[in-house]
Amino acid sequence: MVTDRSIYLGNLDWVGNEFSFNAGAGLVISQPEGIEERNSTVVEQLRAAFERDWFSRYTHSLQANKIPKH
């Protein structure tokens, strides 16, 4: 999951029984406010990689009638 300033990486499927029967691991990476860098932040890099793959010509919607406009 990616928000404006944080990233959550985990190994659970976010389904009810996953939280009851499995011990998952997660990592939160946050970019503190006020840090200005010449290069993009970790959050920006991960968001760009996700969007590149999500909107790739190699991806296909599982619900053809619900294709997002990009």
N, C-alpha and C. Protein backbone atom coordinates (compact mmCIF):
# COMPACT_ATOMS: atom_id res chain seq x y z
N MET A 1 0.85 -1.15 0.00
CA MET A 1 0.00 0.00 0.00
C MET A 1 0.91 1.23 0.00
N VAL A 2 0.54 2.21 -0.78
CA VAL A 2 1.33 3.44 -0.88
C VAL A 2 0.42 4.62 -0.57
N THR A 3 0.85 5.48 0.36
CA THR A 3 0.14 6.73 0.62
C THR A 3 1.05 7.88 0.19
N ASP A 4 0.68 9.10 0.52
CA ASP A 4 1.48 10.24 0.10
C ASP A 4 2.89 10.22 0.67
N ARG A 5 3.04 9.73 1.90
CA ARG A 5 4.35 9.81 2.55
C ARG A 5 4.84 8.49 3.12
N SER A 6 4.09 7.41 2.93
CA SER A 6 4.49 6.12 3.52
C SER A 6 4.22 4.97 2.58
N ILE A 7 4.92 3.87 2.85
CA ILE A 7 4.75 2.63 2.10
C ILE A 7 4.57 1.52 3.12
N TYR A 8 3.62 0.62 2.89
CA TYR A 8 3.49 -0.58 3.71
C TYR A 8 3.73 -1.78 2.80
N LEU A 9 4.70 -2.60 3.16
CA LEU A 9 4.98 -3.85 2.44
C LEU A 9 4.70 -4.99 3.40
N GLY A 10 3.87 -5.94 2.98
CA GLY A 10 3.55 -7.06 3.86
C GLY A 10 3.28 -8.32 3.07
N ASN A 11 3.15 -9.41 3.80
CA ASN A 11 2.96 -10.69 3.12
C ASN A 11 1.58 -11.30 3.36
N LEU A 12 0.64 -10.57 3.91
CA LEU A 12 -0.71 -11.09 4.10
C LEU A 12 -1.58 -10.75 2.89
N ASP A 13 -2.64 -11.52 2.71
CA ASP A 13 -3.56 -11.29 1.60
C ASP A 13 -4.69 -10.34 1.95
N TRP A 14 -4.72 -9.83 3.15
CA TRP A 14 -5.73 -8.91 3.63
C TRP A 14 -7.13 -9.53 3.54
N VAL A 15 -7.21 -10.81 3.88
CA VAL A 15 -8.47 -11.54 3.93
C VAL A 15 -8.67 -11.92 5.39
N GLY A 16 -9.91 -11.93 5.86
CA GLY A 16 -10.21 -12.15 7.26
C GLY A 16 -9.45 -13.27 7.94
N ASN A 17 -9.47 -14.48 7.37
CA ASN A 17 -8.81 -15.60 8.04
C ASN A 17 -7.29 -15.51 8.00
N GLU A 18 -6.72 -14.73 7.12
CA GLU A 18 -5.27 -14.54 7.11
C GLU A 18 -4.80 -13.92 8.42
N PHE A 19 -5.59 -13.00 8.97
CA PHE A 19 -5.21 -12.34 10.21
C PHE A 19 -5.40 -13.25 11.42
N SER A 20 -6.28 -14.25 11.30
CA SER A 20 -6.55 -15.16 12.42
C SER A 20 -5.58 -16.32 12.50
N PHE A 21 -5.14 -16.83 11.36
CA PHE A 21 -4.39 -18.08 11.34
C PHE A 21 -2.93 -17.94 10.90
N ASN A 22 -2.50 -16.80 10.48
CA ASN A 22 -1.13 -16.64 9.99
C ASN A 22 -0.42 -15.51 10.73
N ALA A 23 0.85 -15.69 10.90
CA ALA A 23 1.69 -14.62 11.46
C ALA A 23 2.37 -13.94 10.28
N GLY A 24 1.99 -12.73 10.03
CA GLY A 24 2.55 -12.02 8.89
C GLY A 24 3.68 -11.11 9.30
N ALA A 25 4.35 -10.59 8.33
CA ALA A 25 5.41 -9.62 8.55
C ALA A 25 5.13 -8.40 7.70
N GLY A 26 5.43 -7.25 8.22
CA GLY A 26 5.20 -6.03 7.47
C GLY A 26 6.31 -5.03 7.72
N LEU A 27 6.45 -4.12 6.80
CA LEU A 27 7.46 -3.08 6.89
C LEU A 27 6.81 -1.77 6.46
N VAL A 28 6.96 -0.74 7.27
CA VAL A 28 6.47 0.59 6.93
C VAL A 28 7.67 1.49 6.71
N ILE A 29 7.70 2.14 5.57
CA ILE A 29 8.75 3.10 5.24
C ILE A 29 8.08 4.45 5.12
N SER A 30 8.52 5.41 5.93
CA SER A 30 7.93 6.75 5.91
C SER A 30 8.98 7.77 5.53
N GLN A 31 8.55 8.75 4.78
CA GLN A 31 9.42 9.87 4.39
C GLN A 31 9.04 11.05 5.27
N PRO A 32 9.92 11.48 6.18
CA PRO A 32 9.60 12.60 7.05
C PRO A 32 9.31 13.87 6.25
N GLU A 33 8.38 14.66 6.78
CA GLU A 33 8.08 15.93 6.11
C GLU A 33 9.25 16.88 6.27
N GLY A 34 9.43 17.74 5.30
CA GLY A 34 10.47 18.74 5.37
C GLY A 34 11.80 18.31 4.78
N ILE A 35 11.91 17.06 4.37
CA ILE A 35 13.16 16.61 3.76
C ILE A 35 13.09 16.89 2.26
N GLU A 36 13.94 17.74 1.82
CA GLU A 36 14.01 18.08 0.40
C GLU A 36 15.27 17.45 -0.18
N GLU A 37 15.10 16.68 -1.22
CA GLU A 37 16.24 16.04 -1.84
C GLU A 37 16.21 16.31 -3.34
N ARG A 38 17.35 16.18 -3.96
CA ARG A 38 17.42 16.35 -5.41
C ARG A 38 16.74 15.20 -6.13
N ASN A 39 16.84 14.01 -5.55
CA ASN A 39 16.25 12.83 -6.18
C ASN A 39 14.86 12.58 -5.61
N SER A 40 14.12 11.71 -6.26
CA SER A 40 12.78 11.40 -5.78
C SER A 40 12.85 10.57 -4.50
N THR A 41 11.78 10.64 -3.72
CA THR A 41 11.73 9.91 -2.46
C THR A 41 11.46 8.43 -2.73
N VAL A 42 11.64 7.61 -1.70
CA VAL A 42 11.35 6.19 -1.81
C VAL A 42 9.88 5.99 -2.17
N VAL A 43 9.00 6.77 -1.55
CA VAL A 43 7.57 6.67 -1.83
C VAL A 43 7.30 6.97 -3.30
N GLU A 44 7.88 8.03 -3.83
CA GLU A 44 7.68 8.39 -5.24
C GLU A 44 8.22 7.31 -6.16
N GLN A 45 9.35 6.73 -5.82
CA GLN A 45 9.93 5.67 -6.66
C GLN A 45 9.04 4.44 -6.67
N LEU A 46 8.54 4.04 -5.50
CA LEU A 46 7.68 2.85 -5.44
C LEU A 46 6.35 3.11 -6.14
N ARG A 47 5.78 4.30 -5.94
CA ARG A 47 4.53 4.64 -6.62
C ARG A 47 4.72 4.60 -8.13
N ALA A 48 5.81 5.14 -8.62
CA ALA A 48 6.08 5.13 -10.07
C ALA A 48 6.22 3.70 -10.59
N ALA A 49 6.90 2.85 -9.84
CA ALA A 49 7.06 1.45 -10.26
C ALA A 49 5.71 0.73 -10.27
N PHE A 50 4.89 0.97 -9.24
CA PHE A 50 3.57 0.34 -9.18
C PHE A 50 2.71 0.80 -10.35
N GLU A 51 2.65 2.12 -10.58
CA GLU A 51 1.81 2.64 -11.67
C GLU A 51 2.32 2.19 -13.03
N ARG A 52 3.62 2.09 -13.19
CA ARG A 52 4.18 1.59 -14.45
C ARG A 52 3.68 0.17 -14.72
N ASP A 53 3.72 -0.67 -13.70
CA ASP A 53 3.28 -2.05 -13.88
C ASP A 53 1.76 -2.16 -13.97
N TRP A 54 1.04 -1.38 -13.16
CA TRP A 54 -0.42 -1.46 -13.12
C TRP A 54 -1.04 -1.05 -14.46
N PHE A 55 -0.47 -0.03 -15.09
CA PHE A 55 -1.01 0.47 -16.35
C PHE A 55 -0.23 -0.03 -17.56
N SER A 56 0.56 -1.06 -17.37
CA SER A 56 1.36 -1.64 -18.45
C SER A 56 0.48 -2.24 -19.54
N ARG A 57 0.99 -2.30 -20.73
CA ARG A 57 0.25 -2.93 -21.82
C ARG A 57 0.14 -4.44 -21.60
N TYR A 58 0.90 -4.97 -20.66
CA TYR A 58 0.87 -6.41 -20.37
C TYR A 58 -0.17 -6.78 -19.32
N THR A 59 -0.82 -5.79 -18.70
CA THR A 59 -1.85 -6.09 -17.71
C THR A 59 -3.22 -6.09 -18.38
N HIS A 60 -4.12 -6.86 -17.82
CA HIS A 60 -5.48 -6.96 -18.36
C HIS A 60 -6.46 -6.90 -17.20
N SER A 61 -7.56 -6.19 -17.41
CA SER A 61 -8.59 -6.10 -16.39
C SER A 61 -9.32 -7.43 -16.25
N LEU A 62 -9.61 -7.80 -15.02
CA LEU A 62 -10.42 -9.00 -14.78
C LEU A 62 -11.90 -8.68 -14.93
N GLN A 63 -12.23 -7.38 -14.91
CA GLN A 63 -13.59 -6.92 -15.12
C GLN A 63 -13.56 -5.92 -16.27
N ALA A 64 -13.75 -6.41 -17.46
CA ALA A 64 -13.58 -5.58 -18.66
C ALA A 64 -14.47 -4.34 -18.65
N ASN A 65 -15.61 -4.39 -17.98
CA ASN A 65 -16.51 -3.23 -17.95
C ASN A 65 -16.08 -2.19 -16.92
N LYS A 66 -15.01 -2.45 -16.17
CA LYS A 66 -14.54 -1.52 -15.14
C LYS A 66 -13.09 -1.13 -15.38
N ILE A 67 -12.76 -0.76 -16.58
CA ILE A 67 -11.40 -0.36 -16.90
C ILE A 67 -11.21 1.10 -16.49
N PRO A 68 -10.25 1.41 -15.62
CA PRO A 68 -10.05 2.80 -15.19
C PRO A 68 -9.49 3.65 -16.32
N LYS A 69 -9.86 4.92 -16.28
CA LYS A 69 -9.32 5.87 -17.26
C LYS A 69 -7.99 6.37 -16.74
N HIS A 70 -6.99 6.34 -17.58
CA HIS A 70 -5.66 6.80 -17.16
C HIS A 70 -5.08 7.68 -18.23
